[in-house]
Amino acid sequence: MASLKEQLAQIPDATGVYLLRDKDRKIIYIGKAVSLRKRLLSHARSHLASKISKIDFIRASSELDALILEAKLIKKHRPRYNISLRDDKQYPYIKLTDETFPRVLLVRETLSDKGKYFGPFMGGSARNLIALASRVFGIRRCRQTPLRKRKQPCLDYHIKRCAGPCAAKVSKKEYASRVLEFSELLKNGLTKAIEKMNRQMEKAAKKLDFEAAAELRNRISWLLRAESGSYSGSRYFVSSPKEKRTALLELKEALGLERAPQRIEAFDISNLGGSKISASMVVFKEGLPYKSHYRRFKISSRGVADDILSMNEVVFRRYSGSLSRMLPLPDLILIDGGRGQLSSALKALKEAKADIPAIGLAKRFEEIYVKGLADPIALPKDSAGLRLLQNIRDEAHRFAVKYHRLRRKKGLADQAFDNPL
């Protein structure tokens, strides 16, 4: 058998789960790491070093997959030095309750009931996964049981941490589908969950159920961020100085820009049946939101729900009117959409005599459309540049939807005032 030093030399600098064995080949400790090499080198200097005879490891495609695999292996093998897992009350489980609209809970023990339990999890992993369950899948965390019906949903719904079953904002079938997706994520890992959701999204699009397809796309987008290393429930932005520099340089090279795009402006359209069509412009400066320069627009649609015409209008207004003098021009324009939306934006830029690079980011396959290229650019899904574009696109979508809802709500209120019962 190779010495511990020789084994450590063969450990990759990769994300995964490791199993430490003693001289009798018995597993004595299981752990996960973003960098297996760094973590195992630290174990070689710990009190465990004298007890380690063999090291096994399993690569994982993401930290979240490693977390889930670690919990499975610990539960199966119950290693001596993951010790306190012998007393399951010390380490949390995730529980999905047996209700019409199940809740997701953090618990310290498993009961003989009909609920589903996952874990145990170490550290703060369980809380992060519960945050993911509410933020991405909209599974409720409230204490109400049984769930009482309400006329208006609670705060969690309004901050997008719950699908709102209490106020009938989601059907029983759709909610059950979300719970199933989350439980399969915990059982099978992130990669398989994303693959299945991609198939569901494509199926929904073929049936012209664009609302369901968009919802699945948003969930996939969040899970892809988790795959890149961030699986908490908070909004994720490329934040470290090194990652920001990497992202901007990647975009410069991939898009053939003269310089790294320090200022990026993105546009999105929000409409529902041609009513109150709204548009947003968000600005990212050096990789981070620059909210004082965000702008929102009312689109003169004349009742026609045409995103392509709407995109033409908002881009022309930004770069031809007073805004072109009030705000600095960007290094790059990002359009939410594919070839059609980009062509419309490029036409508007030409009419406005604005010579600014513009690209389109299509939602379905996250491909980048560029003027003059027959085929879209497909950056690796772990690319910092692609993640930055996704962040900006999603922020533009959030801002557009928020304004559209505000206008529709105001319109309904005015209508009720003009037509009292």
Protein backbone atom coordinates (compact mmCIF):
# COMPACT_ATOMS: atom_id res chain seq x y z
CA MET A 1 0.00 0.00 0.00
CA ALA A 2 1.25 3.50 -0.85
CA SER A 3 2.33 5.71 2.03
CA LEU A 4 0.10 8.57 3.19
CA LYS A 5 2.47 11.07 1.58
CA GLU A 6 2.31 9.23 -1.75
CA GLN A 7 -1.48 9.06 -1.59
CA LEU A 8 -1.75 12.78 -0.88
CA ALA A 9 0.37 13.53 -3.94
CA GLN A 10 -2.32 11.89 -6.10
CA ILE A 11 -5.27 13.85 -4.66
CA PRO A 12 -6.74 16.33 -7.19
CA ASP A 13 -7.53 19.97 -6.51
CA ALA A 14 -11.22 19.28 -7.12
CA THR A 15 -14.56 19.34 -5.31
CA GLY A 16 -15.70 16.07 -3.79
CA VAL A 17 -16.09 13.75 -0.82
CA TYR A 18 -13.28 11.87 0.90
CA LEU A 19 -13.25 8.75 3.07
CA LEU A 20 -10.44 8.17 5.57
CA ARG A 21 -9.72 4.53 6.49
CA ASP A 22 -7.65 2.97 9.26
CA LYS A 23 -5.18 0.06 8.96
CA ASP A 24 -8.10 -2.39 8.92
CA ARG A 25 -9.67 -0.53 5.95
CA LYS A 26 -12.52 0.62 8.17
CA ILE A 27 -13.90 4.08 7.40
CA ILE A 28 -13.18 6.37 10.33
CA TYR A 29 -14.12 9.76 8.88
CA ILE A 30 -16.06 11.17 5.90
CA GLY A 31 -15.94 14.77 4.78
CA LYS A 32 -16.53 17.05 1.81
CA ALA A 33 -14.33 19.79 0.38
CA VAL A 34 -14.25 22.34 -2.38
CA SER A 35 -10.57 21.42 -2.73
CA LEU A 36 -9.90 17.80 -1.79
CA ARG A 37 -6.13 18.37 -1.93
CA LYS A 38 -6.13 21.30 0.50
CA ARG A 39 -8.53 19.65 2.94
CA LEU A 40 -6.64 16.35 3.02
CA LEU A 41 -3.29 18.09 3.47
CA SER A 42 -4.77 19.75 6.55
CA HIS A 43 -5.93 16.33 7.84
CA ALA A 44 -2.36 15.08 7.40
CA ARG A 45 -1.32 17.65 10.02
CA SER A 46 -4.23 16.94 12.39
CA HIS A 47 -4.72 14.52 15.27
CA LEU A 48 -6.22 12.04 12.77
CA ALA A 49 -2.99 11.71 10.80
CA SER A 50 -1.61 8.79 12.84
CA LYS A 51 -4.85 6.85 12.35
CA ILE A 52 -5.16 7.29 8.55
CA SER A 53 -3.92 4.40 6.45
CA LYS A 54 -5.90 4.81 3.23
CA ILE A 55 -7.63 7.69 1.50
CA ASP A 56 -10.51 7.27 -0.94
CA PHE A 57 -12.26 10.11 -2.68
CA ILE A 58 -15.21 10.70 -4.99
CA ARG A 59 -15.32 13.73 -7.28
CA ALA A 60 -18.49 15.84 -7.35
CA SER A 61 -19.64 18.28 -10.00
CA SER A 62 -20.51 20.93 -7.39
CA GLU A 63 -20.23 21.70 -3.71
CA LEU A 64 -23.95 21.02 -3.36
CA ASP A 65 -23.59 17.56 -4.87
CA ALA A 66 -20.69 16.92 -2.49
CA LEU A 67 -22.81 18.01 0.47
CA ILE A 68 -25.64 15.63 -0.47
CA LEU A 69 -23.25 12.72 -1.11
CA GLU A 70 -21.46 13.35 2.20
CA ALA A 71 -24.75 13.11 4.12
CA LYS A 72 -25.66 9.84 2.36
CA LEU A 73 -22.29 8.23 3.08
CA ILE A 74 -22.22 9.35 6.71
CA LYS A 75 -25.69 7.92 7.26
CA LYS A 76 -24.67 4.63 5.59
CA HIS A 77 -21.25 4.08 7.24
CA ARG A 78 -21.57 6.04 10.53
CA PRO A 79 -17.79 6.60 10.86
CA ARG A 80 -16.21 6.73 14.28
CA TYR A 81 -14.92 10.31 14.04
CA ASN A 82 -18.06 11.79 12.55
CA ILE A 83 -18.90 10.80 16.00
CA SER A 84 -21.56 12.64 17.29
CA LEU A 85 -23.71 11.50 14.40
CA ARG A 86 -24.30 8.45 16.61
CA ASP A 87 -26.55 10.80 18.50
CA ASP A 88 -28.64 12.06 15.57
CA LYS A 89 -30.13 14.80 17.73
CA GLN A 90 -26.88 16.78 17.50
CA TYR A 91 -26.94 17.11 13.72
CA PRO A 92 -29.89 18.41 11.71
CA TYR A 93 -32.08 16.69 9.19
CA ILE A 94 -34.32 18.25 6.57
CA LYS A 95 -37.94 17.18 6.84
CA LEU A 96 -40.73 17.46 4.25
CA THR A 97 -43.98 17.14 6.16
CA ASP A 98 -46.88 14.86 5.17
CA GLU A 99 -49.49 17.51 4.34
CA THR A 100 -51.53 18.63 1.33
CA PHE A 101 -49.02 21.48 0.98
CA PRO A 102 -45.87 20.13 2.69
CA ARG A 103 -43.51 22.33 4.69
CA VAL A 104 -39.73 22.13 4.72
CA LEU A 105 -38.29 22.05 8.24
CA LEU A 106 -34.98 21.68 10.04
CA VAL A 107 -35.29 18.98 12.72
CA ARG A 108 -32.88 17.33 15.15
CA GLU A 109 -34.43 13.87 15.18
CA THR A 110 -36.40 11.55 12.93
CA LEU A 111 -39.84 10.35 14.00
CA SER A 112 -41.91 7.36 12.95
CA ASP A 113 -44.31 9.46 10.93
CA LYS A 114 -45.12 9.85 7.24
CA GLY A 115 -42.78 12.78 6.71
CA LYS A 116 -39.68 12.45 4.50
CA TYR A 117 -36.29 12.94 6.15
CA PHE A 118 -32.95 13.77 4.53
CA GLY A 119 -29.56 13.94 6.22
CA PRO A 120 -28.02 14.26 8.72
CA PHE A 121 -26.12 17.34 7.53
CA MET A 122 -23.03 18.89 9.06
CA GLY A 123 -22.37 22.56 9.79
CA GLY A 124 -24.83 25.06 8.33
CA SER A 125 -25.56 22.93 5.27
CA ALA A 126 -29.13 22.07 6.25
CA ARG A 127 -30.08 25.72 6.69
CA ASN A 128 -28.59 26.60 3.30
CA LEU A 129 -30.59 23.80 1.66
CA ILE A 130 -33.80 24.95 3.34
CA ALA A 131 -33.12 28.47 2.03
CA LEU A 132 -32.71 26.93 -1.41
CA ALA A 133 -36.02 25.06 -1.01
CA SER A 134 -37.91 28.28 -0.33
CA ARG A 135 -36.07 30.57 -2.75
CA VAL A 136 -35.88 28.24 -5.75
CA PHE A 137 -38.85 25.88 -5.28
CA GLY A 138 -41.22 28.07 -3.24
CA ILE A 139 -41.78 25.46 -0.54
CA ARG A 140 -43.36 26.96 2.56
CA ARG A 141 -41.56 27.18 5.91
CA CYS A 142 -44.40 28.56 8.03
CA ARG A 143 -45.70 26.80 11.13
CA GLN A 144 -49.36 26.62 10.10
CA THR A 145 -50.67 23.08 10.15
CA PRO A 146 -53.11 22.48 8.74
CA LEU A 147 -52.63 25.37 6.34
CA ARG A 148 -55.34 28.01 6.73
CA LYS A 149 -56.69 29.81 3.67
CA ARG A 150 -56.01 33.54 3.43
CA LYS A 151 -57.26 36.31 1.15
CA GLN A 152 -53.77 37.74 0.85
CA PRO A 153 -50.49 35.76 1.01
CA CYS A 154 -47.92 36.43 3.70
CA LEU A 155 -44.63 38.31 3.37
CA ASP A 156 -42.72 35.19 2.23
CA TYR A 157 -44.77 35.14 -0.97
CA HIS A 158 -44.08 38.80 -1.72
CA ILE A 159 -40.31 38.39 -1.25
CA LYS A 160 -40.39 35.24 -3.40
CA ARG A 161 -39.69 32.76 -0.60
CA CYS A 162 -42.96 30.84 -0.96
CA ALA A 163 -45.31 29.91 -3.82
CA GLY A 164 -48.31 31.13 -1.79
CA PRO A 165 -50.54 28.04 -1.38
CA CYS A 166 -52.39 29.73 1.49
CA ALA A 167 -53.86 32.27 -0.96
CA ALA A 168 -54.29 29.81 -3.87
CA LYS A 169 -51.38 31.34 -5.78
CA VAL A 170 -50.24 27.85 -6.78
CA SER A 171 -52.24 24.71 -7.55
CA LYS A 172 -51.98 21.53 -5.51
CA LYS A 173 -50.49 19.72 -8.53
CA GLU A 174 -47.86 22.40 -9.23
CA TYR A 175 -46.87 22.60 -5.55
CA ALA A 176 -46.53 18.81 -5.34
CA SER A 177 -44.29 18.95 -8.43
CA ARG A 178 -42.04 21.50 -6.71
CA VAL A 179 -41.77 19.36 -3.57
CA LEU A 180 -40.93 16.31 -5.69
CA GLU A 181 -38.21 18.24 -7.55
CA PHE A 182 -36.60 19.34 -4.28
CA SER A 183 -36.74 15.85 -2.75
CA GLU A 184 -35.18 14.39 -5.91
CA LEU A 185 -32.45 17.02 -5.69
CA LEU A 186 -31.65 15.83 -2.17
CA LYS A 187 -31.72 12.16 -3.22
CA ASN A 188 -30.04 12.25 -6.62
CA GLY A 189 -27.90 15.38 -6.59
CA LEU A 190 -27.81 18.63 -8.51
CA THR A 191 -26.75 17.43 -11.96
CA LYS A 192 -29.64 14.96 -12.38
CA ALA A 193 -32.11 17.50 -11.00
CA ILE A 194 -31.06 20.10 -13.58
CA GLU A 195 -31.18 17.54 -16.40
CA LYS A 196 -34.74 16.56 -15.48
CA MET A 197 -35.88 20.17 -15.18
CA ASN A 198 -34.37 20.97 -18.59
CA ARG A 199 -36.45 18.17 -20.11
CA GLN A 200 -39.57 19.51 -18.38
CA MET A 201 -38.83 23.03 -19.62
CA GLU A 202 -38.45 21.87 -23.22
CA LYS A 203 -41.70 19.86 -22.94
CA ALA A 204 -43.56 22.91 -21.58
CA ALA A 205 -42.19 25.10 -24.39
CA LYS A 206 -43.34 22.60 -27.03
CA LYS A 207 -46.84 22.74 -25.54
CA LEU A 208 -46.63 26.56 -25.71
CA ASP A 209 -46.95 26.72 -21.93
CA PHE A 210 -44.48 29.59 -21.75
CA GLU A 211 -45.32 30.56 -18.18
CA ALA A 212 -44.36 27.09 -16.91
CA ALA A 213 -41.27 27.07 -19.12
CA ALA A 214 -40.17 30.45 -17.74
CA GLU A 215 -40.69 29.29 -14.16
CA LEU A 216 -38.56 26.20 -14.79
CA ARG A 217 -35.93 28.32 -16.52
CA ASN A 218 -35.67 30.54 -13.44
CA ARG A 219 -35.29 27.53 -11.14
CA ILE A 220 -32.61 26.05 -13.39
CA SER A 221 -30.77 29.39 -13.38
CA TRP A 222 -30.65 29.39 -9.59
CA LEU A 223 -29.49 25.78 -9.48
CA LEU A 224 -26.74 26.50 -12.00
CA ARG A 225 -25.50 29.15 -9.59
CA ALA A 226 -25.54 26.54 -6.86
CA GLU A 227 -23.53 24.28 -9.16
CA SER A 228 -20.95 27.04 -9.48
CA GLY A 229 -20.53 27.14 -5.72
CA SER A 230 -23.20 29.35 -4.17
CA TYR A 231 -26.16 27.46 -2.70
CA SER A 232 -27.50 29.87 -0.11
CA GLY A 233 -30.93 31.42 -0.50
CA SER A 234 -29.74 34.98 -1.06
CA ARG A 235 -29.46 36.68 -4.45
CA TYR A 236 -26.10 35.83 -5.94
CA PHE A 237 -23.83 38.32 -7.68
CA VAL A 238 -20.27 37.82 -8.87
CA SER A 239 -18.61 39.54 -5.94
CA SER A 240 -14.96 38.78 -5.29
CA PRO A 241 -12.53 41.17 -7.02
CA LYS A 242 -10.74 38.25 -8.68
CA GLU A 243 -13.99 36.75 -10.02
CA LYS A 244 -15.15 40.13 -11.33
CA ARG A 245 -11.89 40.69 -13.20
CA THR A 246 -12.03 37.16 -14.59
CA ALA A 247 -15.64 37.60 -15.74
CA LEU A 248 -14.99 40.91 -17.50
CA LEU A 249 -11.84 39.66 -19.21
CA GLU A 250 -13.65 36.49 -20.35
CA LEU A 251 -16.35 38.64 -21.94
CA LYS A 252 -13.77 40.86 -23.62
CA GLU A 253 -12.09 37.85 -25.23
CA ALA A 254 -15.24 35.87 -26.06
CA LEU A 255 -17.06 38.83 -27.61
CA GLY A 256 -14.04 40.39 -29.33
CA LEU A 257 -14.40 43.71 -27.48
CA GLU A 258 -11.72 46.40 -27.57
CA ARG A 259 -11.68 46.58 -23.77
CA ALA A 260 -13.23 44.82 -20.78
CA PRO A 261 -16.87 45.99 -20.39
CA GLN A 262 -16.68 47.96 -17.14
CA ARG A 263 -20.19 49.36 -17.65
CA ILE A 264 -22.91 47.02 -18.94
CA GLU A 265 -26.51 48.09 -19.53
CA ALA A 266 -29.24 45.45 -19.90
CA PHE A 267 -32.84 45.69 -21.15
CA ASP A 268 -35.88 43.50 -20.57
CA ILE A 269 -39.56 43.71 -21.48
CA SER A 270 -42.46 42.66 -19.24
CA ASN A 271 -45.97 42.35 -20.64
CA LEU A 272 -49.16 40.38 -20.22
CA GLY A 273 -51.51 40.36 -23.17
CA GLY A 274 -50.45 43.82 -24.32
CA SER A 275 -51.56 45.48 -21.10
CA LYS A 276 -49.26 47.95 -19.29
CA ILE A 277 -46.18 46.83 -21.25
CA SER A 278 -43.11 47.89 -19.28
CA ALA A 279 -39.37 47.86 -19.84
CA SER A 280 -36.35 48.02 -17.60
CA MET A 281 -32.75 49.11 -17.95
CA VAL A 282 -30.30 47.98 -15.29
CA VAL A 283 -26.66 48.97 -15.05
CA PHE A 284 -23.73 46.92 -13.77
CA LYS A 285 -20.49 48.78 -13.14
CA GLU A 286 -17.34 46.70 -12.69
CA GLY A 287 -19.45 43.59 -12.22
CA LEU A 288 -21.88 44.93 -9.60
CA PRO A 289 -25.34 46.58 -9.72
CA TYR A 290 -25.25 50.37 -10.05
CA LYS A 291 -28.82 51.04 -8.96
CA SER A 292 -28.78 54.83 -9.09
CA HIS A 293 -28.59 54.50 -12.89
CA TYR A 294 -31.44 51.98 -13.21
CA ARG A 295 -34.33 53.23 -15.35
CA ARG A 296 -37.84 52.01 -16.15
CA PHE A 297 -40.04 52.76 -19.16
CA LYS A 298 -43.70 52.73 -20.14
CA ILE A 299 -44.00 51.25 -23.63
CA SER A 300 -46.50 52.81 -26.08
CA SER A 301 -47.76 49.42 -27.25
CA ARG A 302 -51.23 50.40 -28.51
CA GLY A 303 -52.43 47.08 -27.07
CA VAL A 304 -50.03 44.94 -29.09
CA ALA A 305 -47.88 42.54 -27.05
CA ASP A 306 -44.76 42.53 -29.22
CA ASP A 307 -41.49 42.18 -27.30
CA ILE A 308 -39.42 42.85 -30.41
CA LEU A 309 -41.10 46.18 -31.18
CA SER A 310 -41.00 47.06 -27.48
CA MET A 311 -37.26 46.37 -27.36
CA ASN A 312 -36.72 48.63 -30.35
CA GLU A 313 -38.61 51.44 -28.63
CA VAL A 314 -36.82 51.27 -25.28
CA VAL A 315 -33.32 51.04 -26.79
CA PHE A 316 -34.00 53.98 -29.11
CA ARG A 317 -35.34 56.10 -26.23
CA ARG A 318 -32.30 55.35 -24.09
CA TYR A 319 -29.68 56.26 -26.69
CA SER A 320 -31.37 59.06 -28.64
CA GLY A 321 -33.12 61.28 -26.11
CA SER A 322 -32.22 63.10 -22.93
CA LEU A 323 -30.95 59.92 -21.29
CA SER A 324 -28.13 59.76 -23.84
CA ARG A 325 -26.89 63.07 -22.43
CA MET A 326 -27.67 62.43 -18.76
CA LEU A 327 -25.97 59.02 -18.42
CA PRO A 328 -22.57 57.78 -19.64
CA LEU A 329 -22.66 55.32 -22.51
CA PRO A 330 -21.96 51.66 -21.73
CA ASP A 331 -19.14 49.45 -22.98
CA LEU A 332 -21.68 46.70 -23.72
CA ILE A 333 -25.45 46.39 -24.11
CA LEU A 334 -27.16 43.14 -23.06
CA ILE A 335 -30.55 42.29 -24.55
CA ASP A 336 -32.76 39.68 -22.89
CA GLY A 337 -33.59 37.50 -25.89
CA GLY A 338 -32.28 35.85 -29.01
CA ARG A 339 -31.66 36.89 -32.58
CA GLY A 340 -34.99 38.69 -33.09
CA GLN A 341 -34.70 40.91 -30.02
CA LEU A 342 -31.04 41.66 -30.77
CA SER A 343 -31.78 42.63 -34.38
CA SER A 344 -34.48 45.00 -33.17
CA ALA A 345 -32.09 46.59 -30.67
CA LEU A 346 -29.35 46.95 -33.30
CA LYS A 347 -31.80 48.71 -35.62
CA ALA A 348 -32.66 51.14 -32.82
CA LEU A 349 -28.97 51.82 -32.13
CA LYS A 350 -28.40 52.57 -35.80
CA GLU A 351 -31.34 55.00 -35.86
CA ALA A 352 -29.99 56.65 -32.69
CA LYS A 353 -26.48 56.85 -34.25
CA ALA A 354 -25.06 55.03 -31.21
CA ASP A 355 -22.06 52.82 -31.98
CA ILE A 356 -22.10 50.49 -28.97
CA PRO A 357 -21.49 46.69 -28.92
CA ALA A 358 -24.71 44.78 -28.19
CA ILE A 359 -25.42 41.10 -27.57
CA GLY A 360 -28.50 38.95 -26.88
CA LEU A 361 -28.63 36.26 -24.19
CA ALA A 362 -31.23 33.62 -25.10
CA LYS A 363 -32.85 31.96 -22.09
CA ARG A 364 -33.40 28.44 -23.37
CA PHE A 365 -29.79 27.37 -23.87
CA GLU A 366 -28.05 30.44 -22.39
CA GLU A 367 -26.42 31.15 -25.75
CA ILE A 368 -25.04 34.56 -26.74
CA TYR A 369 -26.06 36.14 -30.03
CA VAL A 370 -23.61 38.60 -31.58
CA LYS A 371 -23.97 40.82 -34.65
CA GLY A 372 -22.29 39.30 -37.70
CA LEU A 373 -22.01 35.73 -36.32
CA ALA A 374 -24.17 33.06 -37.93
CA ASP A 375 -24.12 30.85 -34.84
CA PRO A 376 -24.50 31.87 -31.20
CA ILE A 377 -21.59 31.68 -28.75
CA ALA A 378 -21.94 28.98 -26.06
CA LEU A 379 -19.69 29.75 -23.09
CA PRO A 380 -18.98 26.94 -20.58
CA LYS A 381 -21.69 26.88 -17.94
CA ASP A 382 -19.04 27.35 -15.21
CA SER A 383 -17.71 30.45 -16.99
CA ALA A 384 -17.50 33.53 -14.75
CA GLY A 385 -18.39 35.65 -17.77
CA LEU A 386 -21.60 33.70 -18.43
CA ARG A 387 -22.57 33.86 -14.76
CA LEU A 388 -22.15 37.63 -14.82
CA LEU A 389 -24.36 37.94 -17.91
CA GLN A 390 -26.99 35.69 -16.28
CA ASN A 391 -26.90 37.85 -13.14
CA ILE A 392 -27.42 41.01 -15.16
CA ARG A 393 -30.16 39.48 -17.32
CA ASP A 394 -32.01 38.16 -14.27
CA GLU A 395 -31.73 41.52 -12.52
CA ALA A 396 -33.18 43.28 -15.59
CA HIS A 397 -36.04 40.76 -15.61
CA ARG A 398 -36.70 41.27 -11.88
CA PHE A 399 -36.77 45.04 -12.27
CA ALA A 400 -39.07 44.93 -15.31
CA VAL A 401 -41.54 42.54 -13.67
CA LYS A 402 -41.60 44.63 -10.49
CA TYR A 403 -42.52 47.77 -12.44
CA HIS A 404 -45.08 45.93 -14.58
CA ARG A 405 -46.83 44.57 -11.49
CA LEU A 406 -46.83 48.01 -9.91
CA ARG A 407 -48.50 49.53 -12.99
CA ARG A 408 -51.10 46.74 -13.23
CA LYS A 409 -51.89 47.04 -9.54
CA LYS A 410 -52.34 50.80 -9.86
CA GLY A 411 -54.49 50.28 -12.96
CA LEU A 412 -56.78 47.87 -11.12
CA ALA A 413 -57.06 50.28 -8.21
CA ASP A 414 -57.98 53.16 -10.56
CA GLN A 415 -60.52 50.95 -12.32
CA ALA A 416 -62.14 50.04 -9.00
CA PHE A 417 -62.29 53.74 -8.07
CA ASP A 418 -63.84 54.71 -11.43
CA ASN A 419 -66.37 51.85 -11.24
CA PRO A 420 -67.50 51.54 -7.60
CA LEU A 421 -69.82 48.72 -6.67
